[in-house]
């Protein structure tokens, strides 16, 4: 319903030649497909460059028991346990920013 109202509103207003050409270029299926291809290629390029960029991973584990675990009057496992560690896959050194290819 809103699309029909928009079309009626647009049809009632005269267009300049430049506006008509601009609207045709924006809505032509080949132009839309071309824009989608460019976006896809840029995403693939970003995905291909991702492994060369440094990153840092980490994990954390927490355990809460109902009480300390005791063996021979010694606590062998506390009721609350926390563990965390970073996981750098490679040395985190500064790398040059990727250069943009000319359009």
Protein backbone atom coordinates (compact mmCIF):
# COMPACT_ATOMS: atom_id res chain seq x y z
CA UNK A 1 0.00 0.00 0.00
CA UNK A 2 2.79 2.45 0.92
CA UNK A 3 4.64 1.60 -2.30
CA UNK A 4 1.57 2.38 -4.40
CA UNK A 5 1.11 5.69 -2.61
CA UNK A 6 4.77 6.53 -3.15
CA UNK A 7 4.52 5.70 -6.86
CA UNK A 8 1.43 7.88 -7.23
CA UNK A 9 3.16 10.76 -5.48
CA UNK A 10 6.28 10.42 -7.61
CA UNK A 11 4.26 10.10 -10.81
CA UNK A 12 2.39 13.33 -10.12
CA UNK A 13 5.63 15.35 -9.95
CA UNK A 14 7.56 16.13 -13.12
CA UNK A 15 11.17 14.95 -13.21
CA UNK A 16 14.17 16.70 -14.61
CA UNK A 17 16.19 14.67 -17.09
CA UNK A 18 19.10 14.31 -14.66
CA UNK A 19 16.78 13.03 -11.91
CA UNK A 20 15.24 10.50 -14.29
CA UNK A 21 18.67 9.23 -15.34
CA UNK A 22 19.81 9.02 -11.70
CA UNK A 23 16.68 7.12 -10.69
CA UNK A 24 17.07 4.74 -13.63
CA UNK A 25 20.71 4.04 -12.72
CA UNK A 26 19.82 3.39 -9.07
CA UNK A 27 16.99 0.99 -9.90
CA UNK A 28 18.33 -0.83 -12.97
CA UNK A 29 18.88 -4.53 -12.19
CA UNK A 30 22.34 -4.53 -13.79
CA UNK A 31 23.45 -1.65 -11.57
CA UNK A 32 22.06 -3.35 -8.46
CA UNK A 33 23.86 -6.56 -9.43
CA UNK A 34 27.08 -4.62 -10.00
CA UNK A 35 26.86 -2.99 -6.56
CA UNK A 36 26.24 -6.41 -4.99
CA UNK A 37 29.28 -7.83 -6.83
CA UNK A 38 31.48 -5.00 -5.56
CA UNK A 39 30.26 -5.52 -1.98
CA UNK A 40 30.90 -9.27 -2.30
CA UNK A 41 34.42 -8.72 -3.64
CA UNK A 42 35.24 -6.29 -0.81
CA UNK A 43 33.98 -8.81 1.75
CA UNK A 44 36.08 -11.57 0.18
CA UNK A 45 39.15 -9.32 0.24
CA UNK A 46 38.59 -8.54 3.92
CA UNK A 47 38.12 -12.24 4.65
CA UNK A 48 41.33 -13.13 2.77
CA UNK A 49 43.34 -10.54 4.73
CA UNK A 50 41.96 -11.56 8.14
CA UNK A 51 44.43 -14.40 8.88
CA UNK A 52 47.39 -12.02 8.53
CA UNK A 53 46.04 -9.62 11.15
CA UNK A 54 47.04 -10.11 14.79
CA UNK A 55 44.40 -11.16 17.27
CA UNK A 56 44.21 -12.18 20.88
CA UNK A 57 41.92 -14.85 22.23
CA UNK A 58 41.13 -15.62 25.85
CA UNK A 59 39.08 -18.03 27.85
CA UNK A 60 37.90 -18.14 31.43
CA UNK A 61 36.48 -20.98 33.50
CA UNK A 62 34.76 -20.79 36.85
CA UNK A 63 33.57 -23.61 39.09
CA UNK A 64 31.46 -23.31 42.22
CA UNK A 65 31.16 -26.44 44.37
CA UNK A 66 28.97 -26.94 47.43
CA UNK A 67 32.06 -26.97 49.66
CA UNK A 68 35.80 -27.62 49.80
CA UNK A 69 36.97 -31.11 48.85
CA UNK A 70 39.09 -32.46 51.70
CA UNK A 71 41.35 -35.50 51.73
CA UNK A 72 43.36 -36.48 54.82
CA UNK A 73 42.57 -33.15 56.49
CA UNK A 74 43.91 -31.21 53.50
CA UNK A 75 41.90 -29.12 51.06
CA UNK A 76 42.55 -30.62 47.66
CA UNK A 77 39.95 -28.58 45.79
CA UNK A 78 38.48 -25.29 46.88
CA UNK A 79 34.77 -24.58 46.68
CA UNK A 80 35.38 -21.68 44.28
CA UNK A 81 37.80 -22.07 41.40
CA UNK A 82 38.63 -19.53 38.71
CA UNK A 83 41.01 -19.91 35.79
CA UNK A 84 41.76 -17.60 32.86
CA UNK A 85 44.43 -17.47 30.21
CA UNK A 86 45.21 -15.53 27.03
CA UNK A 87 45.85 -17.43 23.81
CA UNK A 88 47.95 -15.43 21.36
CA UNK A 89 48.22 -17.47 18.14
CA UNK A 90 51.38 -15.62 17.09
CA UNK A 91 53.46 -12.77 18.49
CA UNK A 92 51.38 -9.63 18.71
CA UNK A 93 53.58 -7.26 16.78
CA UNK A 94 52.45 -4.19 14.93
CA UNK A 95 51.81 -4.89 11.30
CA UNK A 96 51.43 -2.33 8.55
CA UNK A 97 47.88 -1.48 7.65
CA UNK A 98 46.73 -3.08 4.40
CA UNK A 99 46.90 -0.80 1.40
CA UNK A 100 43.71 -0.12 -0.47
CA UNK A 101 43.70 -1.10 -4.10
CA UNK A 102 42.91 1.68 -6.56
CA UNK A 103 39.28 1.68 -7.63
